[in-house]
Amino acid sequence: MSHLSAEQKKSIYTTFGGNEKNTGSIEAQIAQMTERINHISNHLQKNKKDFSTHRGLMQLVGRRKRLLQYMSRTNLTGYRALIEKLGLRK
């Protein structure tokens, strides 16, 4: 169950992946995870005792962290551009 509509996902994929069919690119996956993390964080600010959602958020953050580490090893310039575009690591 996702909070993103199909049009929002397509816009994320075209912005970060090149085209809407490129759903497997690392940049598009990280961007989609960032959107999910932001949405879940807003949910947890309102529902502080939702511990199962908090656990899912921590798993999602860890998965994004691993993808970002992989991207920094393989494509450093793309990694720097992506974190700048997403507003990560201020």
N, C-alpha and C. Protein backbone atom coordinates (compact mmCIF):
# COMPACT_ATOMS: atom_id res chain seq x y z
N MET A 1 0.84 -1.17 0.00
CA MET A 1 0.00 0.00 0.00
C MET A 1 0.89 1.24 0.00
N SER A 2 0.74 2.04 -1.00
CA SER A 2 1.62 3.19 -1.16
C SER A 2 0.81 4.48 -1.12
N HIS A 3 1.41 5.50 -0.62
CA HIS A 3 0.76 6.79 -0.58
C HIS A 3 0.95 7.55 -1.89
N LEU A 4 1.86 7.10 -2.74
CA LEU A 4 2.13 7.76 -4.00
C LEU A 4 1.20 7.24 -5.09
N SER A 5 0.67 8.15 -5.87
CA SER A 5 -0.15 7.73 -7.00
C SER A 5 0.77 7.32 -8.16
N ALA A 6 0.17 6.74 -9.16
CA ALA A 6 0.95 6.28 -10.31
C ALA A 6 1.61 7.46 -11.03
N GLU A 7 0.93 8.60 -11.09
CA GLU A 7 1.48 9.77 -11.75
C GLU A 7 2.68 10.32 -10.97
N GLN A 8 2.59 10.29 -9.63
CA GLN A 8 3.70 10.77 -8.82
C GLN A 8 4.92 9.87 -8.98
N LYS A 9 4.68 8.56 -9.04
CA LYS A 9 5.79 7.63 -9.24
C LYS A 9 6.43 7.86 -10.60
N LYS A 10 5.61 8.06 -11.64
CA LYS A 10 6.15 8.31 -12.97
C LYS A 10 6.98 9.58 -13.00
N SER A 11 6.53 10.60 -12.28
CA SER A 11 7.30 11.85 -12.27
C SER A 11 8.64 11.66 -11.54
N ILE A 12 8.64 10.86 -10.48
CA ILE A 12 9.90 10.57 -9.78
C ILE A 12 10.83 9.81 -10.70
N TYR A 13 10.30 8.81 -11.42
CA TYR A 13 11.14 8.01 -12.30
C TYR A 13 11.67 8.83 -13.47
N THR A 14 10.87 9.74 -14.02
CA THR A 14 11.36 10.55 -15.12
C THR A 14 12.39 11.57 -14.63
N THR A 15 12.19 12.11 -13.44
CA THR A 15 13.13 13.10 -12.91
C THR A 15 14.47 12.48 -12.56
N PHE A 16 14.43 11.33 -11.89
CA PHE A 16 15.67 10.76 -11.37
C PHE A 16 16.19 9.58 -12.19
N GLY A 17 15.30 8.86 -12.89
CA GLY A 17 15.74 7.67 -13.60
C GLY A 17 15.95 7.86 -15.07
N GLY A 18 15.54 8.99 -15.61
CA GLY A 18 15.71 9.22 -17.04
C GLY A 18 14.39 9.14 -17.80
N ASN A 19 13.64 8.04 -17.61
CA ASN A 19 12.30 7.92 -18.18
C ASN A 19 11.43 7.13 -17.22
N GLU A 20 10.15 7.08 -17.49
CA GLU A 20 9.22 6.46 -16.54
C GLU A 20 9.33 4.94 -16.49
N LYS A 21 9.97 4.33 -17.46
CA LYS A 21 10.14 2.88 -17.48
C LYS A 21 11.37 2.42 -16.70
N ASN A 22 12.26 3.34 -16.37
CA ASN A 22 13.51 3.00 -15.70
C ASN A 22 13.30 2.99 -14.19
N THR A 23 12.55 2.02 -13.71
CA THR A 23 12.23 1.95 -12.29
C THR A 23 13.33 1.31 -11.47
N GLY A 24 14.30 0.69 -12.11
CA GLY A 24 15.34 -0.01 -11.38
C GLY A 24 16.60 0.80 -11.16
N SER A 25 16.64 2.04 -11.67
CA SER A 25 17.86 2.82 -11.48
C SER A 25 18.01 3.18 -10.00
N ILE A 26 19.24 3.26 -9.57
CA ILE A 26 19.52 3.51 -8.16
C ILE A 26 18.98 4.88 -7.74
N GLU A 27 19.15 5.87 -8.61
CA GLU A 27 18.69 7.21 -8.29
C GLU A 27 17.18 7.25 -8.08
N ALA A 28 16.44 6.56 -8.95
CA ALA A 28 14.98 6.54 -8.83
C ALA A 28 14.55 5.79 -7.57
N GLN A 29 15.23 4.70 -7.24
CA GLN A 29 14.88 3.95 -6.04
C GLN A 29 15.13 4.79 -4.79
N ILE A 30 16.25 5.49 -4.75
CA ILE A 30 16.57 6.32 -3.58
C ILE A 30 15.57 7.47 -3.47
N ALA A 31 15.19 8.07 -4.60
CA ALA A 31 14.23 9.17 -4.56
C ALA A 31 12.87 8.69 -4.07
N GLN A 32 12.45 7.51 -4.52
CA GLN A 32 11.16 6.99 -4.06
C GLN A 32 11.21 6.64 -2.57
N MET A 33 12.32 6.06 -2.13
CA MET A 33 12.46 5.77 -0.70
C MET A 33 12.44 7.04 0.13
N THR A 34 13.05 8.10 -0.38
CA THR A 34 13.07 9.37 0.34
C THR A 34 11.65 9.92 0.48
N GLU A 35 10.85 9.81 -0.56
CA GLU A 35 9.46 10.25 -0.49
C GLU A 35 8.69 9.45 0.55
N ARG A 36 8.90 8.13 0.57
CA ARG A 36 8.24 7.28 1.56
C ARG A 36 8.70 7.61 2.97
N ILE A 37 9.99 7.86 3.15
CA ILE A 37 10.53 8.20 4.46
C ILE A 37 9.93 9.51 4.96
N ASN A 38 9.83 10.50 4.09
CA ASN A 38 9.23 11.77 4.49
C ASN A 38 7.77 11.60 4.88
N HIS A 39 7.04 10.79 4.12
CA HIS A 39 5.63 10.55 4.42
C HIS A 39 5.46 9.84 5.76
N ILE A 40 6.27 8.80 5.99
CA ILE A 40 6.17 8.04 7.24
C ILE A 40 6.61 8.90 8.42
N SER A 41 7.60 9.76 8.23
CA SER A 41 8.05 10.65 9.30
C SER A 41 6.95 11.61 9.72
N ASN A 42 6.23 12.14 8.75
CA ASN A 42 5.09 13.01 9.08
C ASN A 42 4.02 12.24 9.83
N HIS A 43 3.78 10.99 9.43
CA HIS A 43 2.80 10.16 10.13
C HIS A 43 3.22 9.92 11.57
N LEU A 44 4.50 9.66 11.79
CA LEU A 44 4.98 9.37 13.14
C LEU A 44 5.02 10.60 14.03
N GLN A 45 5.08 11.78 13.45
CA GLN A 45 5.00 12.99 14.27
C GLN A 45 3.61 13.14 14.88
N LYS A 46 2.59 12.68 14.17
CA LYS A 46 1.22 12.74 14.68
C LYS A 46 0.90 11.54 15.57
N ASN A 47 1.48 10.37 15.27
CA ASN A 47 1.19 9.13 15.98
C ASN A 47 2.47 8.61 16.62
N LYS A 48 2.79 9.15 17.76
CA LYS A 48 4.08 8.87 18.39
C LYS A 48 4.20 7.43 18.91
N LYS A 49 3.10 6.75 19.16
CA LYS A 49 3.16 5.41 19.73
C LYS A 49 3.00 4.31 18.69
N ASP A 50 3.11 4.64 17.43
CA ASP A 50 3.00 3.66 16.35
C ASP A 50 4.37 3.01 16.15
N PHE A 51 4.66 2.02 16.97
CA PHE A 51 6.01 1.45 17.00
C PHE A 51 6.29 0.55 15.81
N SER A 52 5.27 -0.12 15.27
CA SER A 52 5.51 -0.98 14.11
C SER A 52 5.87 -0.14 12.88
N THR A 53 5.24 1.01 12.74
CA THR A 53 5.59 1.89 11.64
C THR A 53 7.00 2.47 11.84
N HIS A 54 7.35 2.72 13.08
CA HIS A 54 8.69 3.22 13.37
C HIS A 54 9.75 2.19 12.98
N ARG A 55 9.48 0.92 13.25
CA ARG A 55 10.41 -0.13 12.86
C ARG A 55 10.54 -0.21 11.34
N GLY A 56 9.41 -0.10 10.64
CA GLY A 56 9.46 -0.09 9.18
C GLY A 56 10.24 1.09 8.64
N LEU A 57 10.09 2.23 9.30
CA LEU A 57 10.84 3.42 8.90
C LEU A 57 12.34 3.20 9.06
N MET A 58 12.74 2.59 10.16
CA MET A 58 14.17 2.34 10.39
C MET A 58 14.73 1.36 9.36
N GLN A 59 13.95 0.37 8.97
CA GLN A 59 14.38 -0.55 7.93
C GLN A 59 14.54 0.16 6.59
N LEU A 60 13.60 1.05 6.29
CA LEU A 60 13.64 1.80 5.03
C LEU A 60 14.84 2.74 5.00
N VAL A 61 15.11 3.39 6.13
CA VAL A 61 16.27 4.28 6.20
C VAL A 61 17.56 3.49 6.01
N GLY A 62 17.64 2.30 6.59
CA GLY A 62 18.83 1.46 6.42
C GLY A 62 19.01 1.01 4.99
N ARG A 63 17.91 0.67 4.32
CA ARG A 63 18.00 0.25 2.92
C ARG A 63 18.47 1.40 2.05
N ARG A 64 17.93 2.61 2.32
CA ARG A 64 18.36 3.78 1.55
C ARG A 64 19.83 4.08 1.81
N LYS A 65 20.26 3.92 3.06
CA LYS A 65 21.66 4.16 3.41
C LYS A 65 22.59 3.22 2.65
N ARG A 66 22.20 1.94 2.56
CA ARG A 66 23.02 0.98 1.83
C ARG A 66 23.09 1.32 0.35
N LEU A 67 21.97 1.73 -0.24
CA LEU A 67 21.99 2.12 -1.66
C LEU A 67 22.84 3.37 -1.88
N LEU A 68 22.77 4.32 -0.94
CA LEU A 68 23.59 5.52 -1.07
C LEU A 68 25.07 5.19 -0.93
N GLN A 69 25.42 4.26 -0.05
CA GLN A 69 26.82 3.86 0.08
C GLN A 69 27.31 3.20 -1.20
N TYR A 70 26.48 2.34 -1.79
CA TYR A 70 26.85 1.69 -3.05
C TYR A 70 27.04 2.73 -4.14
N MET A 71 26.14 3.70 -4.19
CA MET A 71 26.24 4.72 -5.23
C MET A 71 27.47 5.60 -5.02
N SER A 72 27.83 5.88 -3.78
CA SER A 72 29.02 6.70 -3.54
C SER A 72 30.28 5.96 -3.96
N ARG A 73 30.29 4.63 -3.85
CA ARG A 73 31.45 3.86 -4.28
C ARG A 73 31.55 3.78 -5.79
N THR A 74 30.41 3.66 -6.48
CA THR A 74 30.44 3.41 -7.92
C THR A 74 30.36 4.68 -8.76
N ASN A 75 29.61 5.69 -8.30
CA ASN A 75 29.37 6.89 -9.10
C ASN A 75 29.36 8.10 -8.17
N LEU A 76 30.53 8.62 -7.84
CA LEU A 76 30.64 9.67 -6.84
C LEU A 76 30.00 10.98 -7.30
N THR A 77 30.17 11.34 -8.56
CA THR A 77 29.57 12.60 -9.04
C THR A 77 28.05 12.50 -9.06
N GLY A 78 27.53 11.36 -9.49
CA GLY A 78 26.08 11.16 -9.47
C GLY A 78 25.53 11.15 -8.05
N TYR A 79 26.30 10.58 -7.13
CA TYR A 79 25.91 10.55 -5.72
C TYR A 79 25.81 11.96 -5.16
N ARG A 80 26.82 12.78 -5.44
CA ARG A 80 26.80 14.16 -4.94
C ARG A 80 25.65 14.96 -5.54
N ALA A 81 25.38 14.74 -6.82
CA ALA A 81 24.27 15.44 -7.46
C ALA A 81 22.93 14.99 -6.87
N LEU A 82 22.81 13.71 -6.58
CA LEU A 82 21.56 13.18 -6.04
C LEU A 82 21.28 13.70 -4.64
N ILE A 83 22.28 13.70 -3.77
CA ILE A 83 22.02 14.18 -2.41
C ILE A 83 21.76 15.68 -2.41
N GLU A 84 22.33 16.39 -3.37
CA GLU A 84 22.04 17.82 -3.49
C GLU A 84 20.59 18.03 -3.95
N LYS A 85 20.17 17.23 -4.92
CA LYS A 85 18.82 17.35 -5.48
C LYS A 85 17.75 16.96 -4.47
N LEU A 86 18.03 15.92 -3.66
CA LEU A 86 17.06 15.46 -2.68
C LEU A 86 17.12 16.24 -1.37
N GLY A 87 18.18 16.99 -1.15
CA GLY A 87 18.31 17.75 0.08
C GLY A 87 18.74 16.91 1.27
N LEU A 88 19.52 15.86 1.01
CA LEU A 88 20.03 15.03 2.08
C LEU A 88 21.38 15.54 2.54
N ARG A 89 21.79 15.20 3.73
CA ARG A 89 23.11 15.53 4.27
C ARG A 89 23.43 17.01 4.18
N LYS A 90 22.70 17.79 4.92
CA LYS A 90 22.83 19.24 4.83
C LYS A 90 24.12 19.75 5.37
